[in-house]
Structures are given as C-alpha cells and as structure tokens.
Amino acid sequence: MNEDAKTCEADPSCGVKSAKDPANATDFEKKHTPVIKAPDIVKKGEFFAVTVEVGKVVPHPNEPGHFIQWIELYSGHTFLARADLTPAMTDSVATFSVRLDHLHPLRAVARCNLHGAWVGTIDLKE
C-alpha cells in the first residue's frame, strides 16, 4: 500500500469505505455499511420502493456525538435521492420510491459523522 493510501485509510473523511471481506465483516463494518432492501424483481419504468438502513445488522449509535448524517441512493453512478438525518430525532433508515429505465446495481452511501462514508450495493433483476 502506498503512503497516500495509508493516509487516506486513517482519515475518516477520506474516500468511501466498505467491508474489506463482506462475507466476514467486522462488527464495526456491519455497523456502518448501508443495507439495501428492494423487490426481488423490478420492471423498467415502474416505481418501486427501496429502503436503506444503516445499523441493521449491528446497531449504529444515534446520539449527538455519533450518528448517521445522510443516506444517498444511486443507480450505478447516477444519483437518485438523499435523506439528511439528525441525531436522536431520526432513525438511520430511509425509503425512496424510484423508477429506473436502465437497471444498474443499486448503491447506497451513508455518512457517519465520526467514521466517514460507507457503501452498500445490491443487484437488480428484471
């Protein structure tokens, strides 16, 4: 690993993080990785609900000093929606109604105020 990569890895605000080994994610990684729930099969051009939850597997704190600030949803690299959250008064769950003309993997990015941005993905089936 080069020096820039080491520096970025140590900086919570640098880059977007994911579990190093998703099949064996640590509790810290599970606590921060967004979990996406969408229908098993979707139809192009029809609205469907997508729920993104952070802390589903291992609860994430939701207090003024440590909380999820926002959740964004993408289709591939195309931005779809964003939910801004406040500590203590909101839960780190967001449901979006989306309609897609092209089915790319859904990607959710969530930002923890202490540990930076984390990504989760799922594939869609037609």
N, C-alpha and C. Protein backbone atom coordinates (compact mmCIF):
# COMPACT_ATOMS: atom_id res chain seq x y z
N MET A 1 0.85 -1.17 0.00
CA MET A 1 0.00 0.00 0.00
C MET A 1 0.90 1.24 0.00
N ASN A 2 0.59 2.17 -0.89
CA ASN A 2 1.42 3.37 -0.95
C ASN A 2 1.07 4.33 0.20
N GLU A 3 1.90 5.33 0.40
CA GLU A 3 1.74 6.26 1.53
C GLU A 3 0.42 7.03 1.47
N ASP A 4 -0.01 7.45 0.27
CA ASP A 4 -1.29 8.17 0.13
C ASP A 4 -2.45 7.29 0.55
N ALA A 5 -2.43 6.03 0.17
CA ALA A 5 -3.50 5.10 0.54
C ALA A 5 -3.54 4.89 2.05
N LYS A 6 -2.38 4.78 2.69
CA LYS A 6 -2.32 4.62 4.14
C LYS A 6 -2.88 5.85 4.83
N THR A 7 -2.53 7.04 4.34
CA THR A 7 -3.01 8.28 4.94
C THR A 7 -4.52 8.37 4.79
N CYS A 8 -5.04 8.04 3.62
CA CYS A 8 -6.48 8.11 3.38
C CYS A 8 -7.21 7.09 4.26
N GLU A 9 -6.66 5.89 4.39
CA GLU A 9 -7.30 4.85 5.19
C GLU A 9 -7.44 5.29 6.65
N ALA A 10 -6.49 6.06 7.14
CA ALA A 10 -6.52 6.54 8.52
C ALA A 10 -7.42 7.75 8.73
N ASP A 11 -7.83 8.41 7.65
CA ASP A 11 -8.65 9.62 7.73
C ASP A 11 -10.10 9.27 7.46
N PRO A 12 -11.00 9.40 8.47
CA PRO A 12 -12.40 9.00 8.29
C PRO A 12 -13.14 9.76 7.20
N SER A 13 -12.69 10.97 6.87
CA SER A 13 -13.40 11.76 5.86
C SER A 13 -12.87 11.53 4.45
N CYS A 14 -11.89 10.64 4.30
CA CYS A 14 -11.26 10.40 3.00
C CYS A 14 -11.86 9.18 2.32
N GLY A 15 -12.44 9.37 1.15
CA GLY A 15 -12.94 8.24 0.36
C GLY A 15 -14.23 7.65 0.89
N VAL A 16 -14.65 6.56 0.26
CA VAL A 16 -15.84 5.82 0.66
C VAL A 16 -15.38 4.43 1.05
N LYS A 17 -15.79 3.99 2.22
CA LYS A 17 -15.32 2.72 2.76
C LYS A 17 -16.34 1.61 2.53
N SER A 18 -15.83 0.38 2.56
CA SER A 18 -16.68 -0.81 2.51
C SER A 18 -15.99 -1.89 3.31
N ALA A 19 -16.73 -2.95 3.62
CA ALA A 19 -16.13 -4.07 4.35
C ALA A 19 -15.02 -4.67 3.51
N LYS A 20 -13.88 -4.90 4.11
CA LYS A 20 -12.73 -5.47 3.38
C LYS A 20 -13.04 -6.88 2.89
N ASP A 21 -13.75 -7.66 3.71
CA ASP A 21 -14.19 -9.02 3.34
C ASP A 21 -15.67 -9.12 3.72
N PRO A 22 -16.59 -8.78 2.79
CA PRO A 22 -18.02 -8.73 3.13
C PRO A 22 -18.57 -10.00 3.77
N ALA A 23 -18.05 -11.15 3.39
CA ALA A 23 -18.53 -12.41 3.97
C ALA A 23 -18.12 -12.55 5.44
N ASN A 24 -17.08 -11.84 5.84
CA ASN A 24 -16.58 -11.90 7.22
C ASN A 24 -16.40 -10.50 7.78
N ALA A 25 -17.39 -9.64 7.58
CA ALA A 25 -17.29 -8.25 8.02
C ALA A 25 -17.19 -8.17 9.54
N THR A 26 -16.43 -7.21 10.00
CA THR A 26 -16.33 -6.97 11.44
C THR A 26 -17.60 -6.28 11.92
N ASP A 27 -17.82 -6.27 13.23
CA ASP A 27 -18.98 -5.56 13.77
C ASP A 27 -18.91 -4.07 13.43
N PHE A 28 -17.71 -3.50 13.45
CA PHE A 28 -17.54 -2.09 13.09
C PHE A 28 -17.99 -1.86 11.64
N GLU A 29 -17.61 -2.75 10.73
CA GLU A 29 -18.01 -2.62 9.32
C GLU A 29 -19.52 -2.82 9.16
N LYS A 30 -20.07 -3.81 9.86
CA LYS A 30 -21.52 -4.07 9.79
C LYS A 30 -22.33 -2.88 10.32
N LYS A 31 -21.80 -2.23 11.33
CA LYS A 31 -22.47 -1.09 11.95
C LYS A 31 -22.59 0.09 10.99
N HIS A 32 -21.66 0.21 10.04
CA HIS A 32 -21.61 1.36 9.16
C HIS A 32 -22.06 1.11 7.72
N THR A 33 -22.10 -0.15 7.30
CA THR A 33 -22.43 -0.47 5.91
C THR A 33 -23.93 -0.38 5.67
N PRO A 34 -24.38 0.43 4.71
CA PRO A 34 -25.81 0.52 4.40
C PRO A 34 -26.32 -0.82 3.85
N VAL A 35 -27.50 -1.22 4.32
CA VAL A 35 -28.17 -2.43 3.83
C VAL A 35 -29.34 -1.97 2.98
N ILE A 36 -29.40 -2.46 1.75
CA ILE A 36 -30.45 -2.05 0.80
C ILE A 36 -31.47 -3.16 0.67
N LYS A 37 -32.74 -2.77 0.76
CA LYS A 37 -33.84 -3.71 0.55
C LYS A 37 -34.68 -3.20 -0.61
N ALA A 38 -34.82 -4.05 -1.64
CA ALA A 38 -35.62 -3.71 -2.83
C ALA A 38 -36.33 -4.98 -3.28
N PRO A 39 -37.36 -4.87 -4.13
CA PRO A 39 -38.05 -6.06 -4.61
C PRO A 39 -37.07 -7.00 -5.33
N ASP A 40 -37.36 -8.30 -5.26
CA ASP A 40 -36.52 -9.29 -5.95
C ASP A 40 -36.49 -9.05 -7.45
N ILE A 41 -37.64 -8.63 -7.99
CA ILE A 41 -37.73 -8.37 -9.43
C ILE A 41 -38.38 -7.00 -9.62
N VAL A 42 -37.79 -6.17 -10.48
CA VAL A 42 -38.35 -4.85 -10.78
C VAL A 42 -38.58 -4.74 -12.28
N LYS A 43 -39.50 -3.86 -12.65
CA LYS A 43 -39.79 -3.62 -14.06
C LYS A 43 -39.29 -2.24 -14.44
N LYS A 44 -38.59 -2.17 -15.55
CA LYS A 44 -38.11 -0.88 -16.04
C LYS A 44 -39.30 0.06 -16.22
N GLY A 45 -39.13 1.31 -15.81
CA GLY A 45 -40.16 2.32 -16.00
C GLY A 45 -41.27 2.31 -14.96
N GLU A 46 -41.24 1.40 -13.98
CA GLU A 46 -42.27 1.36 -12.94
C GLU A 46 -41.66 1.68 -11.58
N PHE A 47 -42.38 2.48 -10.78
CA PHE A 47 -41.89 2.84 -9.46
C PHE A 47 -41.83 1.62 -8.55
N PHE A 48 -40.83 1.61 -7.69
CA PHE A 48 -40.72 0.59 -6.65
C PHE A 48 -40.03 1.20 -5.44
N ALA A 49 -40.25 0.61 -4.28
CA ALA A 49 -39.69 1.13 -3.04
C ALA A 49 -38.32 0.51 -2.76
N VAL A 50 -37.42 1.37 -2.31
CA VAL A 50 -36.08 0.95 -1.89
C VAL A 50 -35.86 1.49 -0.48
N THR A 51 -35.54 0.61 0.44
CA THR A 51 -35.25 1.02 1.81
C THR A 51 -33.77 0.81 2.08
N VAL A 52 -33.15 1.81 2.65
CA VAL A 52 -31.74 1.75 3.02
C VAL A 52 -31.68 1.93 4.54
N GLU A 53 -30.97 1.01 5.19
CA GLU A 53 -30.84 1.07 6.65
C GLU A 53 -29.38 0.91 7.04
N VAL A 54 -28.93 1.78 7.90
CA VAL A 54 -27.58 1.70 8.45
C VAL A 54 -27.72 1.22 9.90
N GLY A 55 -26.95 0.21 10.25
CA GLY A 55 -27.05 -0.35 11.59
C GLY A 55 -28.08 -1.45 11.68
N LYS A 56 -28.48 -2.02 10.56
CA LYS A 56 -29.47 -3.11 10.56
C LYS A 56 -28.89 -4.37 11.19
N VAL A 57 -27.65 -4.68 10.86
CA VAL A 57 -27.02 -5.92 11.34
C VAL A 57 -26.46 -5.71 12.75
N VAL A 58 -25.72 -4.65 12.94
CA VAL A 58 -25.19 -4.25 14.25
C VAL A 58 -25.63 -2.80 14.45
N PRO A 59 -26.36 -2.50 15.53
CA PRO A 59 -26.88 -1.14 15.71
C PRO A 59 -25.80 -0.06 15.69
N HIS A 60 -26.11 1.04 15.01
CA HIS A 60 -25.23 2.20 14.98
C HIS A 60 -25.74 3.21 15.99
N PRO A 61 -24.86 3.87 16.76
CA PRO A 61 -25.32 4.90 17.69
C PRO A 61 -26.09 6.01 16.98
N ASN A 62 -27.00 6.62 17.70
CA ASN A 62 -27.77 7.74 17.18
C ASN A 62 -27.88 8.79 18.27
N GLU A 63 -26.76 9.44 18.54
CA GLU A 63 -26.68 10.45 19.59
C GLU A 63 -25.92 11.65 19.04
N PRO A 64 -25.99 12.79 19.69
CA PRO A 64 -25.36 13.99 19.14
C PRO A 64 -23.88 13.83 18.78
N GLY A 65 -23.13 13.03 19.50
CA GLY A 65 -21.72 12.88 19.22
C GLY A 65 -21.37 11.81 18.20
N HIS A 66 -22.34 10.97 17.81
CA HIS A 66 -22.06 9.86 16.89
C HIS A 66 -23.37 9.43 16.24
N PHE A 67 -23.50 9.74 14.94
CA PHE A 67 -24.75 9.44 14.24
C PHE A 67 -24.52 9.39 12.74
N ILE A 68 -25.52 8.90 12.01
CA ILE A 68 -25.51 8.89 10.55
C ILE A 68 -26.08 10.23 10.09
N GLN A 69 -25.28 10.98 9.30
CA GLN A 69 -25.67 12.31 8.85
C GLN A 69 -26.60 12.30 7.65
N TRP A 70 -26.33 11.38 6.70
CA TRP A 70 -27.16 11.31 5.50
C TRP A 70 -27.03 9.95 4.84
N ILE A 71 -28.02 9.65 4.01
CA ILE A 71 -28.04 8.43 3.20
C ILE A 71 -28.36 8.86 1.77
N GLU A 72 -27.54 8.40 0.81
CA GLU A 72 -27.79 8.68 -0.61
C GLU A 72 -28.00 7.37 -1.35
N LEU A 73 -28.82 7.42 -2.40
CA LEU A 73 -29.09 6.25 -3.22
C LEU A 73 -28.72 6.55 -4.66
N TYR A 74 -28.05 5.59 -5.30
CA TYR A 74 -27.60 5.70 -6.69
C TYR A 74 -28.02 4.46 -7.47
N SER A 75 -28.23 4.63 -8.76
CA SER A 75 -28.35 3.52 -9.70
C SER A 75 -27.05 3.54 -10.49
N GLY A 76 -26.16 2.59 -10.19
CA GLY A 76 -24.82 2.67 -10.74
C GLY A 76 -24.17 3.93 -10.19
N HIS A 77 -23.81 4.86 -11.06
CA HIS A 77 -23.23 6.12 -10.62
C HIS A 77 -24.21 7.29 -10.77
N THR A 78 -25.47 7.00 -11.10
CA THR A 78 -26.48 8.04 -11.26
C THR A 78 -27.16 8.31 -9.93
N PHE A 79 -27.08 9.55 -9.46
CA PHE A 79 -27.71 9.96 -8.20
C PHE A 79 -29.23 9.87 -8.32
N LEU A 80 -29.88 9.26 -7.32
CA LEU A 80 -31.34 9.16 -7.30
C LEU A 80 -31.98 9.98 -6.18
N ALA A 81 -31.43 9.88 -4.96
CA ALA A 81 -32.11 10.52 -3.83
C ALA A 81 -31.17 10.64 -2.64
N ARG A 82 -31.58 11.52 -1.70
CA ARG A 82 -30.80 11.72 -0.48
C ARG A 82 -31.73 12.02 0.68
N ALA A 83 -31.41 11.48 1.85
CA ALA A 83 -32.12 11.80 3.08
C ALA A 83 -31.09 12.35 4.07
N ASP A 84 -31.33 13.56 4.59
CA ASP A 84 -30.49 14.15 5.62
C ASP A 84 -31.10 13.82 6.97
N LEU A 85 -30.25 13.43 7.91
CA LEU A 85 -30.72 12.94 9.21
C LEU A 85 -30.15 13.78 10.34
N THR A 86 -30.87 13.82 11.45
CA THR A 86 -30.38 14.49 12.64
C THR A 86 -30.20 13.45 13.75
N PRO A 87 -29.30 13.69 14.68
CA PRO A 87 -29.11 12.72 15.76
C PRO A 87 -30.30 12.69 16.70
N ALA A 88 -30.54 11.53 17.27
CA ALA A 88 -31.54 11.28 18.30
C ALA A 88 -32.99 11.39 17.81
N MET A 89 -33.31 12.31 16.91
CA MET A 89 -34.70 12.52 16.50
C MET A 89 -35.08 11.76 15.24
N THR A 90 -34.11 11.20 14.52
CA THR A 90 -34.41 10.40 13.33
C THR A 90 -33.66 9.08 13.43
N ASP A 91 -34.17 8.09 12.73
CA ASP A 91 -33.51 6.79 12.67
C ASP A 91 -32.71 6.73 11.37
N SER A 92 -31.69 5.91 11.32
CA SER A 92 -30.85 5.83 10.11
C SER A 92 -31.45 4.86 9.10
N VAL A 93 -32.71 5.14 8.72
CA VAL A 93 -33.45 4.37 7.73
C VAL A 93 -34.12 5.35 6.79
N ALA A 94 -34.06 5.08 5.49
CA ALA A 94 -34.73 5.93 4.51
C ALA A 94 -35.36 5.03 3.45
N THR A 95 -36.58 5.37 3.07
CA THR A 95 -37.27 4.64 1.99
C THR A 95 -37.52 5.62 0.86
N PHE A 96 -37.14 5.20 -0.34
CA PHE A 96 -37.28 6.02 -1.54
C PHE A 96 -38.15 5.28 -2.54
N SER A 97 -38.96 6.02 -3.28
CA SER A 97 -39.72 5.45 -4.39
C SER A 97 -39.01 5.88 -5.67
N VAL A 98 -38.54 4.90 -6.44
CA VAL A 98 -37.75 5.21 -7.63
C VAL A 98 -38.29 4.49 -8.85
N ARG A 99 -37.98 5.05 -10.00
CA ARG A 99 -38.33 4.45 -11.29
C ARG A 99 -37.09 4.49 -12.16
N LEU A 100 -36.72 3.37 -12.72
CA LEU A 100 -35.49 3.29 -13.50
C LEU A 100 -35.78 2.82 -14.91
N ASP A 101 -35.12 3.43 -15.88
CA ASP A 101 -35.23 2.98 -17.27
C ASP A 101 -34.11 2.01 -17.62
N HIS A 102 -33.03 2.04 -16.84
CA HIS A 102 -31.90 1.14 -17.03
C HIS A 102 -31.59 0.52 -15.68
N LEU A 103 -31.49 -0.79 -15.62
CA LEU A 103 -31.24 -1.46 -14.35
C LEU A 103 -29.74 -1.66 -14.13
N HIS A 104 -29.20 -0.85 -13.26
CA HIS A 104 -27.83 -0.97 -12.81
C HIS A 104 -27.89 -1.38 -11.34
N PRO A 105 -26.81 -1.88 -10.77
CA PRO A 105 -26.83 -2.18 -9.33
C PRO A 105 -27.19 -0.93 -8.53
N LEU A 106 -27.98 -1.13 -7.48
CA LEU A 106 -28.27 -0.03 -6.58
C LEU A 106 -27.10 0.12 -5.61
N ARG A 107 -26.75 1.37 -5.34
CA ARG A 107 -25.63 1.65 -4.45
C ARG A 107 -26.10 2.70 -3.45
N ALA A 108 -25.93 2.40 -2.17
CA ALA A 108 -26.27 3.36 -1.12
C ALA A 108 -24.98 3.79 -0.44
N VAL A 109 -24.89 5.09 -0.17
CA VAL A 109 -23.75 5.64 0.55
C VAL A 109 -24.32 6.37 1.76
N ALA A 110 -23.75 6.07 2.93
CA ALA A 110 -24.18 6.72 4.17
C ALA A 110 -22.96 7.30 4.86
N ARG A 111 -23.14 8.46 5.50
CA ARG A 111 -22.00 9.10 6.16
C ARG A 111 -22.21 9.17 7.66
N CYS A 112 -21.28 8.56 8.38
CA CYS A 112 -21.20 8.65 9.84
C CYS A 112 -20.38 9.89 10.17
N ASN A 113 -20.83 10.68 11.13
CA ASN A 113 -20.11 11.91 11.46
C ASN A 113 -18.70 11.65 12.00
N LEU A 114 -18.44 10.45 12.53
CA LEU A 114 -17.11 10.14 13.06
C LEU A 114 -16.27 9.26 12.13
N HIS A 115 -16.93 8.38 11.38
CA HIS A 115 -16.20 7.35 10.63
C HIS A 115 -16.34 7.45 9.12
N GLY A 116 -16.87 8.56 8.62
CA GLY A 116 -16.91 8.81 7.19
C GLY A 116 -17.99 8.08 6.43
N ALA A 117 -17.82 8.04 5.10
CA ALA A 117 -18.81 7.49 4.18
C ALA A 117 -18.57 5.99 3.96
N TRP A 118 -19.68 5.25 3.90
CA TRP A 118 -19.66 3.79 3.69
C TRP A 118 -20.64 3.43 2.60
N VAL A 119 -20.35 2.37 1.84
CA VAL A 119 -21.18 1.99 0.71
C VAL A 119 -21.69 0.56 0.86
N GLY A 120 -22.91 0.36 0.36
CA GLY A 120 -23.51 -0.96 0.23
C GLY A 120 -24.15 -1.06 -1.15
N THR A 121 -24.19 -2.24 -1.74
CA THR A 121 -24.78 -2.41 -3.08
C THR A 121 -25.62 -3.66 -3.14
N ILE A 122 -26.57 -3.66 -4.10
CA ILE A 122 -27.30 -4.88 -4.47
C ILE A 122 -27.54 -4.83 -5.98
N ASP A 123 -27.68 -5.99 -6.58
CA ASP A 123 -28.04 -6.08 -7.99
C ASP A 123 -29.55 -6.15 -8.11
N LEU A 124 -30.07 -5.62 -9.20
CA LEU A 124 -31.49 -5.68 -9.51
C LEU A 124 -31.73 -6.71 -10.60
N LYS A 125 -32.90 -7.36 -10.54
CA LYS A 125 -33.28 -8.33 -11.57
C LYS A 125 -34.57 -7.88 -12.22
N GLU A 126 -34.65 -8.12 -13.52
CA GLU A 126 -35.83 -7.72 -14.29
C GLU A 126 -36.70 -8.95 -14.50
